[in-house]
Amino acid sequence: MFAVIETGGKQYKVENNDVIFVEKLDVEDGATVEFKVVAVSSDEGIKVGKPYVDGASVTAEVIKSAKGKKIYVETYKPKKGEKRKMGHRQPYTKVEIKSIVG
């Protein structure tokens, strides 16, 4: 059984006990989170929502919130002696899927 969930403007295909990295959620570590279900597959077949499946839910536990690896971006203007180097670390939340109901 699998489900397609939506969070942070992205969709993820998940199964029970999967660990995924999603856009940062405003919750504490160890908290339980419920995601919106776009599609769910079971023994009877696949149900697709318009836009979400009624009665379906995916429950997950937050493992940790952190920042990703640092990436560097450089900009410059030729013949002007102007250049700039910037760094960015994208925040994320690591969650473990506990149950899929649908």
PDB file of N, CA and C in Angstrom:
ATOM      1  N   MET A   1       0.843  -1.178   0.000  1.00  0.00           N
ATOM      2  CA  MET A   1       0.000   0.000   0.000  1.00  0.00           C
ATOM      3  C   MET A   1       0.888   1.241   0.000  1.00  0.00           C
ATOM      4  N   PHE A   2       0.575   2.188  -0.866  1.00  0.00           N
ATOM      5  CA  PHE A   2       1.316   3.434  -0.890  1.00  0.00           C
ATOM      6  C   PHE A   2       0.345   4.591  -1.035  1.00  0.00           C
ATOM      7  N   ALA A   3       0.850   5.789  -0.786  1.00  0.00           N
ATOM      8  CA  ALA A   3       0.051   6.999  -0.918  1.00  0.00           C
ATOM      9  C   ALA A   3       0.914   8.095  -1.508  1.00  0.00           C
ATOM     10  N   VAL A   4       0.266   9.053  -2.137  1.00  0.00           N
ATOM     11  CA  VAL A   4       0.942  10.248  -2.632  1.00  0.00           C
ATOM     12  C   VAL A   4       0.449  11.402  -1.759  1.00  0.00           C
ATOM     13  N   ILE A   5       1.387  12.036  -1.042  1.00  0.00           N
ATOM     14  CA  ILE A   5       1.032  13.128  -0.136  1.00  0.00           C
ATOM     15  C   ILE A   5       1.519  14.454  -0.703  1.00  0.00           C
ATOM     16  N   GLU A   6       0.933  15.528  -0.195  1.00  0.00           N
ATOM     17  CA  GLU A   6       1.337  16.865  -0.625  1.00  0.00           C
ATOM     18  C   GLU A   6       1.737  17.684   0.593  1.00  0.00           C
ATOM     19  N   THR A   7       2.926  18.278   0.535  1.00  0.00           N
ATOM     20  CA  THR A   7       3.386  19.178   1.580  1.00  0.00           C
ATOM     21  C   THR A   7       4.461  20.084   1.004  1.00  0.00           C
ATOM     22  N   GLY A   8       4.442  21.329   1.395  1.00  0.00           N
ATOM     23  CA  GLY A   8       5.452  22.281   0.939  1.00  0.00           C
ATOM     24  C   GLY A   8       5.426  22.536  -0.554  1.00  0.00           C
ATOM     25  N   GLY A   9       4.269  22.363  -1.201  1.00  0.00           N
ATOM     26  CA  GLY A   9       4.174  22.593  -2.640  1.00  0.00           C
ATOM     27  C   GLY A   9       4.741  21.466  -3.471  1.00  0.00           C
ATOM     28  N   LYS A  10       5.052  20.337  -2.838  1.00  0.00           N
ATOM     29  CA  LYS A  10       5.611  19.180  -3.548  1.00  0.00           C
ATOM     30  C   LYS A  10       4.794  17.947  -3.218  1.00  0.00           C
ATOM     31  N   GLN A  11       4.922  16.911  -4.049  1.00  0.00           N
ATOM     32  CA  GLN A  11       4.238  15.648  -3.802  1.00  0.00           C
ATOM     33  C   GLN A  11       5.273  14.549  -3.606  1.00  0.00           C
ATOM     34  N   TYR A  12       4.981  13.628  -2.678  1.00  0.00           N
ATOM     35  CA  TYR A  12       5.889  12.537  -2.352  1.00  0.00           C
ATOM     36  C   TYR A  12       5.126  11.225  -2.353  1.00  0.00           C
ATOM     37  N   LYS A  13       5.699  10.182  -2.961  1.00  0.00           N
ATOM     38  CA  LYS A  13       5.127   8.841  -2.903  1.00  0.00           C
ATOM     39  C   LYS A  13       5.720   8.163  -1.673  1.00  0.00           C
ATOM     40  N   VAL A  14       4.860   7.722  -0.738  1.00  0.00           N
ATOM     41  CA  VAL A  14       5.335   7.167   0.524  1.00  0.00           C
ATOM     42  C   VAL A  14       4.674   5.825   0.820  1.00  0.00           C
ATOM     43  N   GLU A  15       5.370   5.007   1.608  1.00  0.00           N
ATOM     44  CA  GLU A  15       4.861   3.744   2.125  1.00  0.00           C
ATOM     45  C   GLU A  15       5.083   3.744   3.629  1.00  0.00           C
ATOM     46  N   ASN A  16       4.545   2.745   4.325  1.00  0.00           N
ATOM     47  CA  ASN A  16       4.751   2.648   5.765  1.00  0.00           C
ATOM     48  C   ASN A  16       6.236   2.537   6.089  1.00  0.00           C
ATOM     49  N   ASN A  17       6.666   3.189   7.164  1.00  0.00           N
ATOM     50  CA  ASN A  17       8.042   3.186   7.680  1.00  0.00           C
ATOM     51  C   ASN A  17       9.053   3.872   6.769  1.00  0.00           C
ATOM     52  N   ASP A  18       8.608   4.623   5.760  1.00  0.00           N
ATOM     53  CA  ASP A  18       9.531   5.414   4.940  1.00  0.00           C
ATOM     54  C   ASP A  18      10.012   6.623   5.734  1.00  0.00           C
ATOM     55  N   VAL A  19      11.256   7.023   5.497  1.00  0.00           N
ATOM     56  CA  VAL A  19      11.809   8.243   6.086  1.00  0.00           C
ATOM     57  C   VAL A  19      12.061   9.202   4.926  1.00  0.00           C
ATOM     58  N   ILE A  20      11.432  10.390   4.986  1.00  0.00           N
ATOM     59  CA  ILE A  20      11.568  11.354   3.900  1.00  0.00           C
ATOM     60  C   ILE A  20      11.963  12.717   4.454  1.00  0.00           C
ATOM     61  N   PHE A  21      12.550  13.532   3.587  1.00  0.00           N
ATOM     62  CA  PHE A  21      12.931  14.896   3.918  1.00  0.00           C
ATOM     63  C   PHE A  21      11.954  15.823   3.194  1.00  0.00           C
ATOM     64  N   VAL A  22      11.227  16.647   3.957  1.00  0.00           N
ATOM     65  CA  VAL A  22      10.241  17.569   3.379  1.00  0.00           C
ATOM     66  C   VAL A  22      10.647  18.995   3.719  1.00  0.00           C
ATOM     67  N   GLU A  23       9.977  19.957   3.069  1.00  0.00           N
ATOM     68  CA  GLU A  23      10.213  21.360   3.396  1.00  0.00           C
ATOM     69  C   GLU A  23       9.917  21.584   4.874  1.00  0.00           C
ATOM     70  N   LYS A  24      10.574  22.562   5.470  1.00  0.00           N
ATOM     71  CA  LYS A  24      10.488  22.774   6.913  1.00  0.00           C
ATOM     72  C   LYS A  24       9.040  22.933   7.388  1.00  0.00           C
ATOM     73  N   LEU A  25       8.704  22.142   8.432  1.00  0.00           N
ATOM     74  CA  LEU A  25       7.395  22.221   9.074  1.00  0.00           C
ATOM     75  C   LEU A  25       7.557  22.923  10.415  1.00  0.00           C
ATOM     76  N   ASP A  26       6.561  23.673  10.815  1.00  0.00           N
ATOM     77  CA  ASP A  26       6.625  24.423  12.068  1.00  0.00           C
ATOM     78  C   ASP A  26       6.088  23.568  13.221  1.00  0.00           C
ATOM     79  N   VAL A  27       6.793  22.470  13.526  1.00  0.00           N
ATOM     80  CA  VAL A  27       6.423  21.562  14.616  1.00  0.00           C
ATOM     81  C   VAL A  27       7.686  21.163  15.377  1.00  0.00           C
ATOM     82  N   GLU A  28       7.505  20.644  16.586  1.00  0.00           N
ATOM     83  CA  GLU A  28       8.635  20.220  17.400  1.00  0.00           C
ATOM     84  C   GLU A  28       9.056  18.797  17.044  1.00  0.00           C
ATOM     85  N   ASP A  29      10.286  18.442  17.405  1.00  0.00           N
ATOM     86  CA  ASP A  29      10.769  17.078  17.197  1.00  0.00           C
ATOM     87  C   ASP A  29       9.940  16.114  18.039  1.00  0.00           C
ATOM     88  N   GLY A  30       9.612  14.964  17.469  1.00  0.00           N
ATOM     89  CA  GLY A  30       8.821  13.967  18.175  1.00  0.00           C
ATOM     90  C   GLY A  30       7.321  14.155  18.030  1.00  0.00           C
ATOM     91  N   ALA A  31       6.886  15.237  17.395  1.00  0.00           N
ATOM     92  CA  ALA A  31       5.455  15.499  17.222  1.00  0.00           C
ATOM     93  C   ALA A  31       4.885  14.637  16.098  1.00  0.00           C
ATOM     94  N   THR A  32       3.570  14.491  16.088  1.00  0.00           N
ATOM     95  CA  THR A  32       2.876  13.744  15.046  1.00  0.00           C
ATOM     96  C   THR A  32       2.257  14.727  14.062  1.00  0.00           C
ATOM     97  N   VAL A  33       2.397  14.424  12.768  1.00  0.00           N
ATOM     98  CA  VAL A  33       1.910  15.304  11.714  1.00  0.00           C
ATOM     99  C   VAL A  33       0.999  14.493  10.793  1.00  0.00           C
ATOM    100  N   GLU A  34      -0.043  15.135  10.269  1.00  0.00           N
ATOM    101  CA  GLU A  34      -0.934  14.489   9.312  1.00  0.00           C
ATOM    102  C   GLU A  34      -0.846  15.230   7.986  1.00  0.00           C
ATOM    103  N   PHE A  35      -0.684  14.478   6.886  1.00  0.00           N
ATOM    104  CA  PHE A  35      -0.518  15.074   5.566  1.00  0.00           C
ATOM    105  C   PHE A  35      -1.777  14.905   4.724  1.00  0.00           C
ATOM    106  N   LYS A  36      -1.956  15.805   3.747  1.00  0.00           N
ATOM    107  CA  LYS A  36      -3.054  15.710   2.793  1.00  0.00           C
ATOM    108  C   LYS A  36      -2.712  14.629   1.763  1.00  0.00           C
ATOM    109  N   VAL A  37      -3.698  13.787   1.432  1.00  0.00           N
ATOM    110  CA  VAL A  37      -3.475  12.659   0.526  1.00  0.00           C
ATOM    111  C   VAL A  37      -4.060  12.986  -0.842  1.00  0.00           C
ATOM    112  N   VAL A  38      -3.215  12.932  -1.873  1.00  0.00           N
ATOM    113  CA  VAL A  38      -3.635  13.212  -3.240  1.00  0.00           C
ATOM    114  C   VAL A  38      -4.128  11.935  -3.912  1.00  0.00           C
ATOM    115  N   ALA A  39      -3.442  10.803  -3.643  1.00  0.00           N
ATOM    116  CA  ALA A  39      -3.829   9.510  -4.206  1.00  0.00           C
ATOM    117  C   ALA A  39      -3.406   8.418  -3.229  1.00  0.00           C
ATOM    118  N   VAL A  40      -4.166   7.320  -3.222  1.00  0.00           N
ATOM    119  CA  VAL A  40      -3.845   6.210  -2.340  1.00  0.00           C
ATOM    120  C   VAL A  40      -4.094   4.903  -3.085  1.00  0.00           C
ATOM    121  N   SER A  41      -3.190   3.937  -2.883  1.00  0.00           N
ATOM    122  CA  SER A  41      -3.304   2.635  -3.522  1.00  0.00           C
ATOM    123  C   SER A  41      -3.509   1.574  -2.456  1.00  0.00           C
ATOM    124  N   SER A  42      -4.435   0.642  -2.715  1.00  0.00           N
ATOM    125  CA  SER A  42      -4.675  -0.466  -1.792  1.00  0.00           C
ATOM    126  C   SER A  42      -4.992  -1.707  -2.617  1.00  0.00           C
ATOM    127  N   ASP A  43      -5.473  -2.755  -1.941  1.00  0.00           N
ATOM    128  CA  ASP A  43      -5.802  -3.997  -2.649  1.00  0.00           C
ATOM    129  C   ASP A  43      -6.969  -3.807  -3.622  1.00  0.00           C
ATOM    130  N   GLU A  44      -7.903  -2.886  -3.314  1.00  0.00           N
ATOM    131  CA  GLU A  44      -9.057  -2.647  -4.190  1.00  0.00           C
ATOM    132  C   GLU A  44      -8.684  -1.857  -5.438  1.00  0.00           C
ATOM    133  N   GLY A  45      -7.571  -1.131  -5.413  1.00  0.00           N
ATOM    134  CA  GLY A  45      -7.164  -0.325  -6.557  1.00  0.00           C
ATOM    135  C   GLY A  45      -6.641   1.029  -6.110  1.00  0.00           C
ATOM    136  N   ILE A  46      -6.605   1.960  -7.044  1.00  0.00           N
ATOM    137  CA  ILE A  46      -6.076   3.290  -6.760  1.00  0.00           C
ATOM    138  C   ILE A  46      -7.232   4.290  -6.677  1.00  0.00           C
ATOM    139  N   LYS A  47      -7.214   5.118  -5.629  1.00  0.00           N
ATOM    140  CA  LYS A  47      -8.176   6.210  -5.498  1.00  0.00           C
ATOM    141  C   LYS A  47      -7.425   7.514  -5.699  1.00  0.00           C
ATOM    142  N   VAL A  48      -7.944   8.362  -6.582  1.00  0.00           N
ATOM    143  CA  VAL A  48      -7.334   9.657  -6.843  1.00  0.00           C
ATOM    144  C   VAL A  48      -8.326  10.732  -6.425  1.00  0.00           C
ATOM    145  N   GLY A  49      -7.847  11.718  -5.674  1.00  0.00           N
ATOM    146  CA  GLY A  49      -8.718  12.767  -5.171  1.00  0.00           C
ATOM    147  C   GLY A  49      -8.861  13.928  -6.121  1.00  0.00           C
ATOM    148  N   LYS A  50      -9.859  14.767  -5.841  1.00  0.00           N
ATOM    149  CA  LYS A  50     -10.094  15.973  -6.623  1.00  0.00           C
ATOM    150  C   LYS A  50     -10.250  17.149  -5.681  1.00  0.00           C
ATOM    151  N   PRO A  51      -9.269  17.766  -5.143  1.00  0.00           N
ATOM    152  CA  PRO A  51      -7.835  17.478  -5.245  1.00  0.00           C
ATOM    153  C   PRO A  51      -7.339  16.473  -4.209  1.00  0.00           C
ATOM    154  N   TYR A  52      -8.095  16.213  -3.122  1.00  0.00           N
ATOM    155  CA  TYR A  52      -7.642  15.280  -2.088  1.00  0.00           C
ATOM    156  C   TYR A  52      -8.637  14.145  -1.925  1.00  0.00           C
ATOM    157  N   VAL A  53      -8.142  12.989  -1.465  1.00  0.00           N
ATOM    158  CA  VAL A  53      -8.977  11.812  -1.258  1.00  0.00           C
ATOM    159  C   VAL A  53      -9.742  11.970   0.054  1.00  0.00           C
ATOM    160  N   ASP A  54     -11.070  11.835   0.004  1.00  0.00           N
ATOM    161  CA  ASP A  54     -11.897  11.945   1.203  1.00  0.00           C
ATOM    162  C   ASP A  54     -11.691  10.718   2.092  1.00  0.00           C
ATOM    163  N   GLY A  55     -11.500  10.947   3.380  1.00  0.00           N
ATOM    164  CA  GLY A  55     -11.360   9.855   4.336  1.00  0.00           C
ATOM    165  C   GLY A  55      -9.983   9.229   4.407  1.00  0.00           C
ATOM    166  N   ALA A  56      -9.054   9.679   3.579  1.00  0.00           N
ATOM    167  CA  ALA A  56      -7.701   9.126   3.595  1.00  0.00           C
ATOM    168  C   ALA A  56      -6.777  10.047   4.379  1.00  0.00           C
ATOM    169  N   SER A  57      -5.837   9.433   5.096  1.00  0.00           N
ATOM    170  CA  SER A  57      -4.874  10.243   5.846  1.00  0.00           C
ATOM    171  C   SER A  57      -3.557   9.504   5.973  1.00  0.00           C
ATOM    172  N   VAL A  58      -2.495  10.255   6.076  1.00  0.00           N
ATOM    173  CA  VAL A  58      -1.158   9.723   6.310  1.00  0.00           C
ATOM    174  C   VAL A  58      -0.620  10.387   7.560  1.00  0.00           C
ATOM    175  N   THR A  59      -0.228   9.572   8.531  1.00  0.00           N
ATOM    176  CA  THR A  59       0.302  10.076   9.788  1.00  0.00           C
ATOM    177  C   THR A  59       1.800   9.822   9.832  1.00  0.00           C
ATOM    178  N   ALA A  60       2.555  10.828  10.282  1.00  0.00           N
ATOM    179  CA  ALA A  60       4.008  10.719  10.344  1.00  0.00           C
ATOM    180  C   ALA A  60       4.518  11.311  11.649  1.00  0.00           C
ATOM    181  N   GLU A  61       5.709  10.859  12.046  1.00  0.00           N
ATOM    182  CA  GLU A  61       6.351  11.385  13.250  1.00  0.00           C
ATOM    183  C   GLU A  61       7.580  12.187  12.834  1.00  0.00           C
ATOM    184  N   VAL A  62       7.734  13.379  13.404  1.00  0.00           N
ATOM    185  CA  VAL A  62       8.867  14.235  13.091  1.00  0.00           C
ATOM    186  C   VAL A  62      10.098  13.718  13.818  1.00  0.00           C
ATOM    187  N   ILE A  63      11.158  13.437  13.068  1.00  0.00           N
ATOM    188  CA  ILE A  63      12.407  12.962  13.667  1.00  0.00           C
ATOM    189  C   ILE A  63      13.274  14.146  14.063  1.00  0.00           C
ATOM    190  N   LYS A  64      13.502  15.061  13.100  1.00  0.00           N
ATOM    191  CA  LYS A  64      14.279  16.266  13.423  1.00  0.00           C
ATOM    192  C   LYS A  64      14.076  17.328  12.359  1.00  0.00           C
ATOM    193  N   SER A  65      14.374  18.560  12.749  1.00  0.00           N
ATOM    194  CA  SER A  65      14.397  19.685  11.820  1.00  0.00           C
ATOM    195  C   SER A  65      15.819  20.216  11.796  1.00  0.00           C
ATOM    196  N   ALA A  66      16.338  20.486  10.611  1.00  0.00           N
ATOM    197  CA  ALA A  66      17.724  20.925  10.490  1.00  0.00           C
ATOM    198  C   ALA A  66      17.891  21.704   9.192  1.00  0.00           C
ATOM    199  N   LYS A  67      19.140  22.012   8.874  1.00  0.00           N
ATOM    200  CA  LYS A  67      19.473  22.680   7.620  1.00  0.00           C
ATOM    201  C   LYS A  67      20.285  21.734   6.755  1.00  0.00           C
ATOM    202  N   GLY A  68      20.116  21.859   5.444  1.00  0.00           N
ATOM    203  CA  GLY A  68      20.826  21.010   4.501  1.00  0.00           C
ATOM    204  C   GLY A  68      22.264  21.468   4.300  1.00  0.00           C
ATOM    205  N   LYS A  69      22.947  20.806   3.390  1.00  0.00           N
ATOM    206  CA  LYS A  69      24.328  21.131   3.062  1.00  0.00           C
ATOM    207  C   LYS A  69      24.400  22.522   2.433  1.00  0.00           C
ATOM    208  N   LYS A  70      25.457  23.249   2.717  1.00  0.00           N
ATOM    209  CA  LYS A  70      25.613  24.609   2.214  1.00  0.00           C
ATOM    210  C   LYS A  70      25.977  24.587   0.733  1.00  0.00           C
ATOM    211  N   ILE A  71      25.297  25.443  -0.032  1.00  0.00           N
ATOM    212  CA  ILE A  71      25.645  25.624  -1.439  1.00  0.00           C
ATOM    213  C   ILE A  71      26.112  27.055  -1.624  1.00  0.00           C
ATOM    214  N   TYR A  72      26.995  27.262  -2.579  1.00  0.00           N
ATOM    215  CA  TYR A  72      27.548  28.585  -2.846  1.00  0.00           C
ATOM    216  C   TYR A  72      27.107  29.060  -4.223  1.00  0.00           C
ATOM    217  N   VAL A  73      26.800  30.353  -4.295  1.00  0.00           N
ATOM    218  CA  VAL A  73      26.404  30.993  -5.548  1.00  0.00           C
ATOM    219  C   VAL A  73      27.299  32.205  -5.729  1.00  0.00           C
ATOM    220  N   GLU A  74      27.830  32.363  -6.929  1.00  0.00           N
ATOM    221  CA  GLU A  74      28.687  33.514  -7.214  1.00  0.00           C
ATOM    222  C   GLU A  74      28.070  34.338  -8.337  1.00  0.00           C
ATOM    223  N   THR A  75      28.139  35.659  -8.201  1.00  0.00           N
ATOM    224  CA  THR A  75      27.704  36.557  -9.259  1.00  0.00           C
ATOM    225  C   THR A  75      28.855  37.499  -9.586  1.00  0.00           C
ATOM    226  N   TYR A  76      28.899  37.928 -10.831  1.00  0.00           N
ATOM    227  CA  TYR A  76      29.935  38.889 -11.214  1.00  0.00           C
ATOM    228  C   TYR A  76      29.463  39.694 -12.405  1.00  0.00           C
ATOM    229  N   LYS A  77      30.090  40.866 -12.573  1.00  0.00           N
ATOM    230  CA  LYS A  77      29.841  41.692 -13.740  1.00  0.00           C
ATOM    231  C   LYS A  77      31.175  41.853 -14.457  1.00  0.00           C
ATOM    232  N   PRO A  78      31.246  41.386 -15.680  1.00  0.00           N
ATOM    233  CA  PRO A  78      32.516  41.445 -16.383  1.00  0.00           C
ATOM    234  C   PRO A  78      32.993  42.886 -16.628  1.00  0.00           C
ATOM    235  N   LYS A  79      34.288  43.065 -16.586  1.00  0.00           N
ATOM    236  CA  LYS A  79      34.967  44.339 -16.856  1.00  0.00           C
ATOM    237  C   LYS A  79      34.678  45.420 -15.827  1.00  0.00           C
ATOM    238  N   LYS A  80      33.997  45.098 -14.733  1.00  0.00           N
ATOM    239  CA  LYS A  80      33.666  46.087 -13.712  1.00  0.00           C
ATOM    240  C   LYS A  80      34.369  45.811 -12.382  1.00  0.00           C
ATOM    241  N   GLY A  81      35.001  44.650 -12.264  1.00  0.00           N
ATOM    242  CA  GLY A  81      35.682  44.311 -11.023  1.00  0.00           C
ATOM    243  C   GLY A  81      34.708  44.044  -9.877  1.00  0.00           C
ATOM    244  N   GLU A  82      33.484  43.686 -10.218  1.00  0.00           N
ATOM    245  CA  GLU A  82      32.474  43.449  -9.189  1.00  0.00           C
ATOM    246  C   GLU A  82      32.114  41.972  -9.161  1.00  0.00           C
ATOM    247  N   LYS A  83      32.300  41.333  -7.994  1.00  0.00           N
ATOM    248  CA  LYS A  83      31.858  39.963  -7.835  1.00  0.00           C
ATOM    249  C   LYS A  83      31.431  39.742  -6.395  1.00  0.00           C
ATOM    250  N   ARG A  84      30.570  38.748  -6.208  1.00  0.00           N
ATOM    251  CA  ARG A  84      29.993  38.497  -4.900  1.00  0.00           C
ATOM    252  C   ARG A  84      29.773  36.996  -4.745  1.00  0.00           C
ATOM    253  N   LYS A  85      30.046  36.484  -3.556  1.00  0.00           N
ATOM    254  CA  LYS A  85      29.857  35.063  -3.256  1.00  0.00           C
ATOM    255  C   LYS A  85      28.863  34.953  -2.106  1.00  0.00           C
ATOM    256  N   MET A  86      27.813  34.152  -2.304  1.00  0.00           N
ATOM    257  CA  MET A  86      26.779  33.976  -1.282  1.00  0.00           C
ATOM    258  C   MET A  86      26.608  32.497  -0.981  1.00  0.00           C
ATOM    259  N   GLY A  87      26.229  32.188   0.259  1.00  0.00           N
ATOM    260  CA  GLY A  87      25.951  30.818   0.653  1.00  0.00           C
ATOM    261  C   GLY A  87      24.503  30.677   1.082  1.00  0.00           C
ATOM    262  N   HIS A  88      23.985  29.445   0.974  1.00  0.00           N
ATOM    263  CA  HIS A  88      22.595  29.186   1.374  1.00  0.00           C
ATOM    264  C   HIS A  88      22.480  27.768   1.924  1.00  0.00           C
ATOM    265  N   ARG A  89      21.731  27.622   3.047  1.00  0.00           N
ATOM    266  CA  ARG A  89      21.425  26.313   3.619  1.00  0.00           C
ATOM    267  C   ARG A  89      19.915  26.199   3.730  1.00  0.00           C
ATOM    268  N   GLN A  90      19.334  25.260   2.979  1.00  0.00           N
ATOM    269  CA  GLN A  90      17.883  25.094   2.948  1.00  0.00           C
ATOM    270  C   GLN A  90      17.404  24.338   4.195  1.00  0.00           C
ATOM    271  N   PRO A  91      16.452  24.882   4.947  1.00  0.00           N
ATOM    272  CA  PRO A  91      15.919  24.160   6.097  1.00  0.00           C
ATOM    273  C   PRO A  91      15.007  23.014   5.652  1.00  0.00           C
ATOM    274  N   TYR A  92      15.026  21.903   6.399  1.00  0.00           N
ATOM    275  CA  TYR A  92      14.184  20.759   6.078  1.00  0.00           C
ATOM    276  C   TYR A  92      13.704  20.100   7.363  1.00  0.00           C
ATOM    277  N   THR A  93      12.730  19.213   7.231  1.00  0.00           N
ATOM    278  CA  THR A  93      12.239  18.406   8.340  1.00  0.00           C
ATOM    279  C   THR A  93      12.279  16.950   7.906  1.00  0.00           C
ATOM    280  N   LYS A  94      12.849  16.111   8.747  1.00  0.00           N
ATOM    281  CA  LYS A  94      12.947  14.679   8.479  1.00  0.00           C
ATOM    282  C   LYS A  94      11.793  13.988   9.199  1.00  0.00           C
ATOM    283  N   VAL A  95      10.938  13.260   8.446  1.00  0.00           N
ATOM    284  CA  VAL A  95       9.779  12.601   9.038  1.00  0.00           C
ATOM    285  C   VAL A  95       9.766  11.115   8.687  1.00  0.00           C
ATOM    286  N   GLU A  96       9.165  10.317   9.567  1.00  0.00           N
ATOM    287  CA  GLU A  96       8.995   8.892   9.336  1.00  0.00           C
ATOM    288  C   GLU A  96       7.499   8.608   9.239  1.00  0.00           C
ATOM    289  N   ILE A  97       7.080   7.935   8.161  1.00  0.00           N
ATOM    290  CA  ILE A  97       5.673   7.610   7.932  1.00  0.00           C
ATOM    291  C   ILE A  97       5.279   6.468   8.861  1.00  0.00           C
ATOM    292  N   LYS A  98       4.245   6.700   9.671  1.00  0.00           N
ATOM    293  CA  LYS A  98       3.790   5.692  10.627  1.00  0.00           C
ATOM    294  C   LYS A  98       2.588   4.898  10.124  1.00  0.00           C
ATOM    295  N   SER A  99       1.584   5.565   9.532  1.00  0.00           N
ATOM    296  CA  SER A  99       0.411   4.825   9.073  1.00  0.00           C
ATOM    297  C   SER A  99      -0.231   5.515   7.865  1.00  0.00           C
ATOM    298  N   ILE A 100      -0.831   4.673   7.024  1.00  0.00           N
ATOM    299  CA  ILE A 100      -1.578   5.149   5.864  1.00  0.00           C
ATOM    300  C   ILE A 100      -2.984   4.579   5.983  1.00  0.00           C
ATOM    301  N   VAL A 101      -3.983   5.449   6.002  1.00  0.00           N
ATOM    302  CA  VAL A 101      -5.376   5.029   6.087  1.00  0.00           C
ATOM    303  C   VAL A 101      -6.079   5.509   4.840  1.00  0.00           C
ATOM    304  N   GLY A 102      -6.777   4.615   4.176  1.00  0.00           N
ATOM    305  CA  GLY A 102      -7.482   5.065   2.982  1.00  0.00           C
ATOM    306  C   GLY A 102      -8.176   3.940   2.359  1.00  0.00           C
TER     307      GLY A 102
END
